Amino acid sequence: MKQSVNTSVLVIDDEELVRDNIEDILTPRRAVAEDAEISLAASILFDTQPEILTPRSSNIPQFTVAKAANGMAGTQMVKDAVENGSPYAVIFLDMRMPGWDGLETVIQIRKYDSKAEIIFITAYSDHSIEDIVERAGQNVGYHCKPYAAEEIISLATKAVTDYDRLRNLEKLIESISSIGLNKYQLNSLLKNILDQLAISVGTNMALLGKLNEDYSYEKILSIGAIEERINLDELITRVKAIHIETDEVVQMDDLILAKMDCYSVFAVLQKHEKLKTEKLYLLKLFVQNAAQAIRNAELVEQLIQKEKLSVVGKAIGMVMHDLRSPIKNMQMITKMMREEGNTSEWTDMLDRCAYQASEIFDYFLDFLKETTFESRLLNLKYIVSEGVDLAAGTSDHKDININQAIPDTLMVNGDERKLKRVVMNLVNNAIDALKNKNVSMPEVGISAQLNTAGDQIVLTIRDNGPGIPQDILKSLFEPFVTRNKSEGTGLGLAIVKQNITAHNGSIEVENNNGAVFKISLPISA
């Protein structure tokens, strides 16, 4: 039989007869060879045909067996095997031995090998099962003497099969953190691995997500009906109560929580029993590598976005080169028309449009090049009013009521042009949402006030539209994130975020009877 699994077995027992017996059961080739020699000698002596021995079943692994007469010697063999890169898959261990007993031996072995399948083979024990589990961990088995050969073969076969399956799953889990995938590809891979891990752990319900500092939970993916089975709010309350540290795995009755940084896996067990140490380790390993893989995917996405922005920057540079002269000519023509006394409201509108086109080009280039801004003391009411006027010049909002409630006294240090554009972009987005969804009695509200600490101005821009789709709410300020807009580059809100950050401010968004943007800016010195 072709060997593809680790079938290395160590037998630790102070009785030589037991050690040899288990070796003969698991490796019958030596016994078969001796029997064959006896059969051949008998055939010669008695002039008979040699006995034909029945070959071993091909379904049974070809074990290799090593032996140790005491716990100290066995532990040293385990240590040497791990250091040599050839660890034992299964360790059969007697409980009552002189020197280190079986329990002490396991405790020492686990210092060097936490993965080997350990099976106690003993007639008597000075320790209860609960004591063994408490001190040696869950990753042990227990079988009583006397034993049958078939039982030893069955135990060893199952143990090496479990060991191999867990090692393969371990390698697969470890590999995900080094694979460069986008978020869609990564989620498919993580779901596949989580399915396999769930089978190993003994559950058909698991949830991978992001546990934020405020204990809000963002689902990444799930298997089974876990969201129907458990109440996430109650679960988070339980998690807060026990203060789970990062890089930790905790079992709470039928629920397992593995946590790494802000990422975690919740799993609901089918049976109310403690998981073996090895399976808890795999859950922890999965979360560790999934967290790293997710971070890698985010870096990949950021790199792709930077490449897109670079392409956009080059394209806009070429467009600006071609359009610079026509735009300047428009402004020159309107100037000549005024000098000749040929003016009208269309002349002013043409002049305004040329100016806005030039401003928009400069604005995008500022974003792509991340240029510095010029800061000075500004009146916020003036900034908002000008931003709304800019929006009026680019959007049809005659049927939309725009309410401004900005105190005259609020002052802010900042770049006038950039802050106007922030207001313009947010108002334009609100207008687009209201028009696209045919909202009755559409309205945009703009207000500002000092925060409770009195050190920041909070500018709020809200609409009474349908709100922002939930699936893009968290990524709304990333470049090229847009939805249901007939026009737009997908850069508007990314530019808004960049400009607010440059002012040492912050921006948040939520849905509350429409989309609500809250901008916090430091007050003037």
Protein backbone atom coordinates (compact mmCIF):
# COMPACT_ATOMS: atom_id res chain seq x y z
CA MET A 1 0.00 0.00 0.00
CA LYS A 2 1.36 3.41 -0.95
CA GLN A 3 2.00 5.44 2.19
CA SER A 4 0.83 9.06 2.07
CA VAL A 5 0.26 9.59 5.78
CA ASN A 6 2.42 9.62 8.88
CA THR A 7 2.05 6.12 10.39
CA SER A 8 4.83 6.40 12.94
CA VAL A 9 3.82 4.94 16.32
CA LEU A 10 5.57 5.13 19.71
CA VAL A 11 4.74 2.64 22.46
CA ILE A 12 5.70 3.68 26.01
CA ASP A 13 5.22 0.88 28.57
CA ASP A 14 7.40 -0.52 31.34
CA GLU A 15 6.39 -4.09 30.39
CA GLU A 16 8.45 -5.46 27.50
CA LEU A 17 5.75 -8.04 26.73
CA VAL A 18 3.17 -5.28 26.11
CA ARG A 19 5.58 -3.24 23.97
CA ASP A 20 6.43 -6.23 21.81
CA ASN A 21 2.81 -7.34 21.58
CA ILE A 22 1.59 -3.98 20.26
CA GLU A 23 4.52 -3.92 17.82
CA ASP A 24 3.61 -7.43 16.56
CA ILE A 25 -0.04 -6.37 16.14
CA LEU A 26 0.79 -3.23 14.19
CA THR A 27 3.80 -4.55 12.25
CA PRO A 28 3.08 -8.27 11.61
CA ARG A 29 5.85 -8.51 9.02
CA ARG A 30 8.41 -9.59 11.61
CA ALA A 31 6.05 -12.19 13.04
CA VAL A 32 5.10 -13.33 9.55
CA ALA A 33 8.78 -13.70 8.59
CA GLU A 34 9.49 -15.79 11.69
CA ASP A 35 6.42 -17.96 11.05
CA ALA A 36 7.50 -18.39 7.43
CA GLU A 37 10.93 -19.66 8.54
CA ILE A 38 9.32 -22.14 10.97
CA SER A 39 6.88 -23.27 8.27
CA LEU A 40 9.76 -23.84 5.80
CA ALA A 41 11.80 -25.81 8.38
CA ALA A 42 8.77 -27.93 9.24
CA SER A 43 8.12 -28.69 5.57
CA ILE A 44 11.69 -29.88 5.13
CA LEU A 45 11.65 -31.95 8.33
CA PHE A 46 8.28 -33.60 7.73
CA ASP A 47 8.37 -33.55 3.90
CA THR A 48 5.20 -31.42 3.61
CA GLN A 49 4.22 -28.32 1.67
CA PRO A 50 5.08 -24.99 3.38
CA GLU A 51 2.05 -23.22 4.91
CA ILE A 52 0.92 -20.28 2.78
CA LEU A 53 0.37 -17.25 5.06
CA THR A 54 -2.60 -14.97 4.43
CA PRO A 55 -1.38 -11.47 3.43
CA ARG A 56 -2.38 -8.50 5.53
CA SER A 57 -5.41 -6.46 4.42
CA SER A 58 -4.46 -3.57 2.15
CA ASN A 59 -6.86 -1.30 4.06
CA ILE A 60 -4.62 -1.29 7.12
CA PRO A 61 -1.76 1.26 7.10
CA GLN A 62 1.82 0.03 7.16
CA PHE A 63 2.80 1.19 10.64
CA THR A 64 6.32 1.77 11.91
CA VAL A 65 6.70 1.23 15.64
CA ALA A 66 9.27 2.56 18.13
CA LYS A 67 9.35 1.56 21.80
CA ALA A 68 10.36 3.11 25.13
CA ALA A 69 10.49 1.42 28.54
CA ASN A 70 9.62 4.52 30.62
CA GLY A 71 8.18 8.00 30.39
CA MET A 72 11.49 9.84 30.49
CA ALA A 73 12.97 7.81 27.65
CA GLY A 74 9.74 8.15 25.64
CA THR A 75 9.67 11.92 26.08
CA GLN A 76 13.25 12.18 24.87
CA MET A 77 12.33 10.13 21.79
CA VAL A 78 9.41 12.47 21.10
CA LYS A 79 11.68 15.51 21.45
CA ASP A 80 14.28 14.00 19.09
CA ALA A 81 11.62 13.01 16.54
CA VAL A 82 10.17 16.54 16.44
CA GLU A 83 13.62 18.09 16.08
CA ASN A 84 14.39 15.69 13.21
CA GLY A 85 11.18 16.61 11.42
CA SER A 86 9.71 13.12 11.78
CA PRO A 87 7.23 13.33 14.68
CA TYR A 88 5.15 10.42 15.89
CA ALA A 89 1.53 10.40 14.75
CA VAL A 90 0.33 8.11 17.58
CA ILE A 91 1.65 7.42 21.05
CA PHE A 92 0.35 4.41 23.02
CA LEU A 93 1.05 5.02 26.69
CA ASP A 94 0.74 3.04 29.90
CA MET A 95 -0.65 4.89 32.91
CA ARG A 96 1.11 3.09 35.76
CA MET A 97 4.88 3.15 35.29
CA PRO A 98 7.84 3.62 37.67
CA GLY A 99 9.30 7.11 37.62
CA TRP A 100 7.03 9.31 35.55
CA ASP A 101 3.55 7.85 35.37
CA GLY A 102 1.47 8.16 32.21
CA LEU A 103 -0.07 11.50 33.12
CA GLU A 104 3.26 13.13 33.96
CA THR A 105 4.71 11.69 30.76
CA VAL A 106 1.94 13.29 28.67
CA ILE A 107 2.46 16.64 30.36
CA GLN A 108 6.17 16.46 29.49
CA ILE A 109 5.52 15.24 25.93
CA ARG A 110 3.19 18.16 25.26
CA LYS A 111 6.09 20.53 25.85
CA TYR A 112 7.59 19.24 22.59
CA ASP A 113 4.65 17.88 20.59
CA SER A 114 1.09 19.16 20.96
CA LYS A 115 -0.19 17.38 17.86
CA ALA A 116 0.46 13.66 18.36
CA GLU A 117 -2.59 11.50 19.04
CA ILE A 118 -2.09 9.98 22.52
CA ILE A 119 -3.94 6.85 23.63
CA PHE A 120 -3.66 5.48 27.19
CA ILE A 121 -3.63 1.67 27.27
CA THR A 122 -3.89 0.60 30.89
CA ALA A 123 -5.70 -1.71 33.30
CA TYR A 124 -5.61 0.67 36.26
CA SER A 125 -5.26 4.39 36.75
CA ASP A 126 -4.54 6.50 39.78
CA HIS A 127 -6.27 9.43 38.09
CA SER A 128 -9.87 10.08 37.12
CA ILE A 129 -10.79 10.85 33.52
CA GLU A 130 -11.62 14.40 34.62
CA ASP A 131 -8.16 14.78 36.18
CA ILE A 132 -6.48 13.47 33.05
CA VAL A 133 -8.44 15.87 30.84
CA GLU A 134 -7.79 18.79 33.18
CA ARG A 135 -4.02 18.26 33.30
CA ALA A 136 -3.20 16.64 29.96
CA GLY A 137 -5.73 18.37 27.75
CA GLN A 138 -8.54 17.02 25.60
CA ASN A 139 -6.33 15.56 22.87
CA VAL A 140 -6.02 12.10 24.48
CA GLY A 141 -7.81 8.77 24.21
CA TYR A 142 -8.30 6.00 26.74
CA HIS A 143 -8.54 2.21 26.33
CA CYS A 144 -8.56 -0.48 29.00
CA LYS A 145 -6.48 -3.64 29.19
CA PRO A 146 -6.87 -6.44 28.26
CA TYR A 147 -7.23 -5.50 24.63
CA ALA A 148 -7.81 -7.39 21.41
CA ALA A 149 -5.49 -7.10 18.41
CA GLU A 150 -8.35 -5.75 16.31
CA GLU A 151 -8.92 -2.97 18.85
CA ILE A 152 -5.28 -1.82 18.71
CA ILE A 153 -5.31 -1.84 14.90
CA SER A 154 -8.60 0.09 14.86
CA LEU A 155 -7.33 2.67 17.38
CA ALA A 156 -4.06 3.18 15.53
CA THR A 157 -5.73 3.39 12.10
CA LYS A 158 -8.24 5.97 13.27
CA ALA A 159 -5.55 7.96 15.07
CA VAL A 160 -3.19 8.22 12.08
CA THR A 161 -6.13 9.07 9.80
CA ASP A 162 -7.23 11.87 12.14
CA TYR A 163 -3.65 13.05 12.49
CA ASP A 164 -3.13 13.19 8.73
CA ARG A 165 -6.45 14.93 8.08
CA LEU A 166 -5.70 17.58 10.71
CA ARG A 167 -2.16 18.10 9.38
CA ASN A 168 -3.48 18.61 5.85
CA LEU A 169 -6.07 21.07 7.14
CA GLU A 170 -3.36 22.81 9.16
CA LYS A 171 -1.17 23.23 6.05
CA LEU A 172 -4.14 24.54 4.08
CA ILE A 173 -4.97 27.05 6.82
CA GLU A 174 -1.36 28.19 7.09
CA SER A 175 -1.17 28.72 3.32
CA ILE A 176 -4.04 31.20 3.10
CA SER A 177 -2.10 34.05 4.72
CA SER A 178 0.54 33.94 1.98
CA ILE A 179 -1.84 33.85 -0.99
CA GLY A 180 -2.55 37.13 -2.77
CA LEU A 181 -6.29 37.13 -3.51
CA ASN A 182 -8.98 39.75 -3.90
CA LYS A 183 -11.80 39.84 -1.36
CA TYR A 184 -14.23 37.79 -3.46
CA GLN A 185 -11.69 35.02 -4.12
CA LEU A 186 -10.55 35.05 -0.49
CA ASN A 187 -14.08 34.73 0.87
CA SER A 188 -14.68 31.68 -1.33
CA LEU A 189 -11.47 30.07 -0.07
CA LEU A 190 -12.17 30.93 3.58
CA LYS A 191 -15.68 29.49 3.33
CA ASN A 192 -14.32 26.24 1.89
CA ILE A 193 -11.75 25.93 4.69
CA LEU A 194 -14.30 26.89 7.34
CA ASP A 195 -16.57 24.11 6.03
CA GLN A 196 -13.76 21.57 6.46
CA LEU A 197 -12.83 22.95 9.86
CA ALA A 198 -16.45 22.80 11.01
CA ILE A 199 -16.62 19.10 10.12
CA SER A 200 -13.46 18.47 12.12
CA VAL A 201 -14.69 20.45 15.10
CA GLY A 202 -18.12 18.86 15.03
CA THR A 203 -20.42 21.68 13.99
CA ASN A 204 -22.49 22.68 10.99
CA MET A 205 -22.84 26.30 12.08
CA ALA A 206 -20.02 28.83 12.19
CA LEU A 207 -19.54 32.55 11.65
CA LEU A 208 -16.39 34.49 10.73
CA GLY A 209 -16.53 38.20 11.34
CA LYS A 210 -14.94 41.36 12.65
CA LEU A 211 -15.44 42.23 16.31
CA ASN A 212 -14.86 45.98 16.63
CA GLU A 213 -13.61 47.83 19.69
CA ASP A 214 -17.14 48.98 20.46
CA TYR A 215 -18.23 45.29 20.27
CA SER A 216 -20.24 45.81 17.11
CA TYR A 217 -19.96 42.78 14.82
CA GLU A 218 -19.45 42.76 11.07
CA LYS A 219 -20.16 39.43 9.39
CA ILE A 220 -17.63 38.31 6.76
CA LEU A 221 -19.06 34.87 6.00
CA SER A 222 -21.01 32.06 7.67
CA ILE A 223 -22.03 28.44 7.23
CA GLY A 224 -25.26 26.86 8.37
CA ALA A 225 -28.06 28.68 10.16
CA ILE A 226 -25.96 30.17 12.95
CA GLU A 227 -27.54 33.60 12.62
CA GLU A 228 -30.96 32.03 13.19
CA ARG A 229 -29.74 29.82 16.02
CA ILE A 230 -28.04 32.50 18.12
CA ASN A 231 -28.83 36.08 19.00
CA LEU A 232 -25.72 38.08 18.10
CA ASP A 233 -26.56 40.91 20.51
CA GLU A 234 -26.83 38.48 23.42
CA LEU A 235 -23.67 36.74 22.29
CA ILE A 236 -21.68 39.97 22.20
CA THR A 237 -22.96 40.77 25.70
CA ARG A 238 -21.58 37.42 26.91
CA VAL A 239 -18.27 38.09 25.17
CA LYS A 240 -17.98 41.52 26.83
CA ALA A 241 -18.67 39.98 30.24
CA ILE A 242 -15.76 37.51 30.10
CA HIS A 243 -13.22 39.92 28.55
CA ILE A 244 -11.74 37.59 25.95
CA GLU A 245 -8.19 38.57 25.09
CA THR A 246 -6.83 38.56 21.56
CA ASP A 247 -5.14 35.38 20.32
CA GLU A 248 -7.42 33.26 22.52
CA VAL A 249 -9.94 30.44 22.12
CA VAL A 250 -12.76 30.07 24.65
CA GLN A 251 -15.52 27.47 24.96
CA MET A 252 -18.81 28.62 26.51
CA ASP A 253 -21.12 25.59 26.84
CA ASP A 254 -22.03 24.67 23.26
CA LEU A 255 -20.38 27.80 21.81
CA ILE A 256 -16.76 28.28 20.72
CA LEU A 257 -15.15 31.69 20.22
CA ALA A 258 -11.72 32.02 18.63
CA LYS A 259 -10.36 35.58 18.54
CA MET A 260 -7.36 37.19 16.81
CA ASP A 261 -7.00 40.97 16.82
CA CYS A 262 -10.44 42.23 15.72
CA TYR A 263 -11.36 39.02 13.85
CA SER A 264 -13.20 36.08 15.38
CA VAL A 265 -14.95 32.80 14.66
CA PHE A 266 -18.11 31.74 16.46
CA ALA A 267 -19.07 28.06 16.20
CA VAL A 268 -22.06 26.24 17.70
CA LEU A 269 -21.22 22.65 18.67
CA GLN A 270 -23.62 19.82 17.90
CA LYS A 271 -22.71 18.02 21.14
CA HIS A 272 -22.23 19.56 24.56
CA GLU A 273 -18.67 18.39 25.11
CA LYS A 274 -15.28 20.01 25.43
CA LEU A 275 -13.22 20.19 22.26
CA LYS A 276 -9.86 18.49 22.05
CA THR A 277 -6.85 20.75 22.35
CA GLU A 278 -5.86 20.02 18.76
CA LYS A 279 -9.19 21.26 17.40
CA LEU A 280 -9.08 24.39 19.53
CA TYR A 281 -5.60 24.97 18.13
CA LEU A 282 -6.90 24.67 14.55
CA LEU A 283 -9.68 27.19 15.23
CA LYS A 284 -7.10 29.60 16.61
CA LEU A 285 -4.82 28.97 13.64
CA PHE A 286 -7.68 29.59 11.22
CA VAL A 287 -8.55 32.96 12.76
CA GLN A 288 -4.87 34.01 12.82
CA ASN A 289 -4.33 33.20 9.16
CA ALA A 290 -7.75 34.43 8.05
CA ALA A 291 -7.02 37.78 9.73
CA GLN A 292 -3.69 38.05 7.93
CA ALA A 293 -5.24 36.95 4.62
CA ILE A 294 -7.97 39.58 4.94
CA ARG A 295 -5.38 42.25 5.63
CA ASN A 296 -3.40 41.04 2.60
CA ALA A 297 -6.54 41.22 0.45
CA GLU A 298 -7.15 44.77 1.64
CA LEU A 299 -3.58 45.68 0.67
CA VAL A 300 -4.13 44.10 -2.75
CA GLU A 301 -7.31 46.17 -3.17
CA GLN A 302 -5.47 49.33 -2.13
CA LEU A 303 -2.70 48.58 -4.63
CA ILE A 304 -5.25 48.07 -7.40
CA GLN A 305 -6.93 51.34 -6.44
CA LYS A 306 -3.63 53.20 -6.54
CA GLU A 307 -2.98 51.76 -9.99
CA LYS A 308 -6.44 52.87 -11.09
CA LEU A 309 -5.83 56.32 -9.66
CA SER A 310 -2.53 56.52 -11.49
CA VAL A 311 -4.28 55.69 -14.77
CA VAL A 312 -7.02 58.22 -14.01
CA GLY A 313 -4.40 60.85 -13.20
CA LYS A 314 -2.66 60.34 -16.52
CA ALA A 315 -5.97 60.43 -18.38
CA ILE A 316 -7.07 63.64 -16.66
CA GLY A 317 -3.67 65.18 -17.37
CA MET A 318 -4.12 64.51 -21.09
CA VAL A 319 -7.70 65.77 -21.04
CA MET A 320 -6.67 68.94 -19.22
CA HIS A 321 -3.96 69.55 -21.79
CA ASP A 322 -6.50 69.29 -24.61
CA LEU A 323 -9.23 71.29 -22.84
CA ARG A 324 -7.16 74.01 -21.24
CA SER A 325 -7.20 76.23 -24.33
CA PRO A 326 -10.97 75.90 -25.04
CA ILE A 327 -11.79 76.65 -21.40
CA LYS A 328 -9.50 79.69 -21.30
CA ASN A 329 -10.94 80.84 -24.63
CA MET A 330 -14.46 80.67 -23.16
CA GLN A 331 -13.45 83.01 -20.36
CA MET A 332 -11.66 85.31 -22.84
CA ILE A 333 -14.75 85.41 -25.10
CA THR A 334 -17.05 86.38 -22.21
CA LYS A 335 -14.60 89.11 -21.23
CA MET A 336 -14.61 90.50 -24.79
CA MET A 337 -18.42 90.32 -24.89
CA ARG A 338 -18.63 92.41 -21.73
CA GLU A 339 -16.17 94.96 -23.11
CA GLU A 340 -18.42 95.36 -26.17
CA GLY A 341 -21.47 95.70 -23.95
CA ASN A 342 -22.92 92.40 -25.19
CA THR A 343 -23.86 90.83 -21.85
CA SER A 344 -26.74 88.74 -20.58
CA GLU A 345 -27.46 86.08 -17.98
CA TRP A 346 -26.13 83.52 -20.50
CA THR A 347 -22.80 85.29 -20.53
CA ASP A 348 -22.52 85.03 -16.76
CA MET A 349 -23.58 81.37 -16.85
CA LEU A 350 -20.99 80.59 -19.56
CA ASP A 351 -18.32 82.30 -17.48
CA ARG A 352 -19.33 80.36 -14.38
CA CYS A 353 -19.30 77.03 -16.19
CA ALA A 354 -15.82 77.67 -17.59
CA TYR A 355 -14.58 78.54 -14.12
CA GLN A 356 -16.18 75.43 -12.57
CA ALA A 357 -14.72 73.16 -15.27
CA SER A 358 -11.25 74.52 -14.55
CA GLU A 359 -11.81 74.10 -10.81
CA ILE A 360 -12.97 70.49 -11.18
CA PHE A 361 -9.83 69.57 -13.13
CA ASP A 362 -7.63 71.17 -10.48
CA TYR A 363 -9.63 69.45 -7.77
CA PHE A 364 -9.14 65.96 -9.18
CA LEU A 365 -5.45 66.58 -9.72
CA ASP A 366 -5.14 67.72 -6.11
CA PHE A 367 -6.64 64.41 -5.00
CA LEU A 368 -4.47 62.29 -7.26
CA LYS A 369 -1.30 64.13 -6.29
CA GLU A 370 -2.37 64.59 -2.62
CA THR A 371 -1.32 68.24 -2.73
CA THR A 372 -1.05 70.33 0.43
CA PHE A 373 -3.71 72.91 1.25
CA GLU A 374 -3.63 76.54 2.24
CA SER A 375 -5.13 77.12 5.66
CA ARG A 376 -6.71 80.34 6.91
CA LEU A 377 -9.51 81.40 9.22
CA LEU A 378 -12.88 80.89 7.51
CA ASN A 379 -16.51 81.55 8.32
CA LEU A 380 -18.32 78.20 8.11
CA LYS A 381 -21.65 79.73 7.08
CA TYR A 382 -19.95 81.36 4.09
CA ILE A 383 -18.22 78.09 3.15
CA VAL A 384 -21.49 76.12 3.25
CA SER A 385 -23.38 78.78 1.28
CA GLU A 386 -20.69 78.83 -1.42
CA GLY A 387 -20.62 75.01 -1.53
CA VAL A 388 -24.38 74.89 -2.03
CA ASP A 389 -24.10 77.49 -4.82
CA LEU A 390 -21.46 75.34 -6.53
CA ALA A 391 -23.80 72.36 -6.31
CA ALA A 392 -26.56 74.50 -7.81
CA GLY A 393 -24.30 75.21 -10.76
CA THR A 394 -23.78 71.51 -11.50
CA SER A 395 -27.09 69.93 -10.45
CA ASP A 396 -30.73 70.63 -11.18
CA HIS A 397 -32.23 71.08 -7.71
CA LYS A 398 -35.07 73.52 -8.36
CA ASP A 399 -37.61 71.05 -6.89
CA ILE A 400 -35.45 70.17 -3.87
CA ASN A 401 -35.61 72.19 -0.65
CA ILE A 402 -32.12 72.87 0.77
CA ASN A 403 -32.23 74.15 4.34
CA GLN A 404 -29.14 75.75 5.86
CA ALA A 405 -28.91 76.30 9.61
CA ILE A 406 -25.36 77.47 10.27
CA PRO A 407 -24.62 79.94 13.10
CA ASP A 408 -22.88 83.13 11.94
CA THR A 409 -20.16 82.85 14.58
CA LEU A 410 -18.67 79.43 13.74
CA MET A 411 -15.11 79.79 12.43
CA VAL A 412 -12.79 77.10 11.14
CA ASN A 413 -9.18 76.97 9.96
CA GLY A 414 -8.94 75.39 6.53
CA ASP A 415 -8.55 75.55 2.79
CA GLU A 416 -11.49 77.47 1.37
CA ARG A 417 -11.54 75.77 -2.01
CA LYS A 418 -11.33 72.26 -0.58
CA LEU A 419 -14.01 72.79 2.07
CA LYS A 420 -16.38 74.28 -0.51
CA ARG A 421 -15.87 71.18 -2.62
CA VAL A 422 -16.64 68.93 0.35
CA VAL A 423 -20.00 70.63 0.78
CA MET A 424 -20.65 70.64 -2.97
CA ASN A 425 -19.96 66.90 -3.33
CA LEU A 426 -22.14 65.88 -0.40
CA VAL A 427 -25.01 68.12 -1.49
CA ASN A 428 -24.73 66.85 -5.08
CA ASN A 429 -24.85 63.24 -3.86
CA ALA A 430 -27.95 64.00 -1.82
CA ILE A 431 -29.63 65.69 -4.79
CA ASP A 432 -28.81 62.74 -7.07
CA ALA A 433 -30.24 60.24 -4.56
CA LEU A 434 -33.46 62.23 -4.12
CA LYS A 435 -33.96 62.68 -7.87
CA ASN A 436 -33.09 59.08 -8.84
CA LYS A 437 -35.56 57.65 -6.31
CA ASN A 438 -38.30 60.21 -7.05
CA VAL A 439 -38.64 61.06 -3.38
CA SER A 440 -41.75 63.06 -2.60
CA MET A 441 -41.11 66.40 -0.89
CA PRO A 442 -37.30 66.00 -1.26
CA GLU A 443 -35.21 67.89 1.23
CA VAL A 444 -31.55 68.39 2.14
CA GLY A 445 -30.73 69.74 5.60
CA ILE A 446 -27.38 71.31 6.54
CA SER A 447 -26.65 72.22 10.16
CA ALA A 448 -23.64 72.83 12.39
CA GLN A 449 -22.88 73.10 16.06
CA LEU A 450 -20.05 72.70 18.58
CA ASN A 451 -19.55 69.26 20.08
CA THR A 452 -20.04 68.70 23.82
CA ALA A 453 -16.32 69.19 24.52
CA GLY A 454 -16.39 72.50 22.66
CA ASP A 455 -13.25 71.73 20.66
CA GLN A 456 -14.79 70.69 17.34
CA ILE A 457 -17.46 71.83 14.91
CA VAL A 458 -19.85 69.11 13.80
CA LEU A 459 -21.28 69.78 10.35
CA THR A 460 -24.24 67.55 9.45
CA ILE A 461 -25.61 67.08 5.93
CA ARG A 462 -28.67 64.87 5.65
CA ASP A 463 -31.40 64.04 3.14
CA ASN A 464 -34.77 62.33 3.35
CA GLY A 465 -33.99 59.81 0.61
CA PRO A 466 -33.73 55.99 0.72
CA GLY A 467 -30.34 55.94 2.45
CA ILE A 468 -27.14 54.21 1.39
CA PRO A 469 -27.16 50.49 0.45
CA GLN A 470 -25.98 48.51 3.46
CA ASP A 471 -23.41 46.50 1.51
CA ILE A 472 -21.39 49.60 0.56
CA LEU A 473 -21.94 51.63 3.73
CA LYS A 474 -18.63 50.55 5.32
CA SER A 475 -16.59 51.14 2.16
CA LEU A 476 -18.32 54.27 0.96
CA PHE A 477 -15.25 56.51 1.20
CA GLU A 478 -13.02 54.17 -0.80
CA PRO A 479 -12.21 55.21 -4.38
CA PHE A 480 -14.51 53.87 -7.12
CA VAL A 481 -17.26 52.76 -4.71
CA THR A 482 -20.56 53.89 -6.22
CA ARG A 483 -24.04 52.54 -6.79
CA ASN A 484 -26.97 53.45 -9.04
CA LYS A 485 -25.47 56.69 -10.35
CA SER A 486 -25.82 57.47 -14.02
CA GLU A 487 -22.94 59.95 -13.76
CA GLY A 488 -19.91 60.10 -11.53
CA THR A 489 -16.39 58.76 -11.25
CA GLY A 490 -16.63 56.99 -7.92
CA LEU A 491 -14.02 59.42 -6.57
CA GLY A 492 -16.29 62.07 -5.07
CA LEU A 493 -16.55 60.71 -1.54
CA ALA A 494 -12.93 59.55 -1.54
CA ILE A 495 -11.99 63.17 -2.29
CA VAL A 496 -14.28 64.34 0.52
CA LYS A 497 -12.62 61.94 2.97
CA GLN A 498 -9.13 62.98 1.86
CA ASN A 499 -9.90 66.67 2.29
CA ILE A 500 -11.48 66.21 5.72
CA THR A 501 -8.53 64.11 6.90
CA ALA A 502 -6.13 66.78 5.63
CA HIS A 503 -7.94 69.22 7.95
CA ASN A 504 -7.34 66.86 10.92
CA GLY A 505 -11.05 66.14 10.90
CA SER A 506 -13.20 63.05 10.53
CA ILE A 507 -16.33 62.07 8.64
CA GLU A 508 -18.94 59.44 9.48
CA VAL A 509 -22.01 58.22 7.65
CA GLU A 510 -25.17 56.42 8.74
CA ASN A 511 -28.71 55.79 7.62
CA ASN A 512 -31.36 57.52 9.72
CA ASN A 513 -34.49 58.28 7.68
CA GLY A 514 -32.10 59.00 4.83
CA ALA A 515 -28.33 59.36 4.49
CA VAL A 516 -26.62 61.37 7.26
CA PHE A 517 -23.03 62.62 6.93
CA LYS A 518 -21.35 64.07 10.02
CA ILE A 519 -18.11 66.01 9.60
CA SER A 520 -16.02 66.95 12.64
CA LEU A 521 -13.51 69.78 12.21
CA PRO A 522 -11.24 71.40 14.82
CA ILE A 523 -12.35 74.91 15.78
CA SER A 524 -10.15 77.91 15.08
CA ALA A 525 -7.34 78.65 17.53
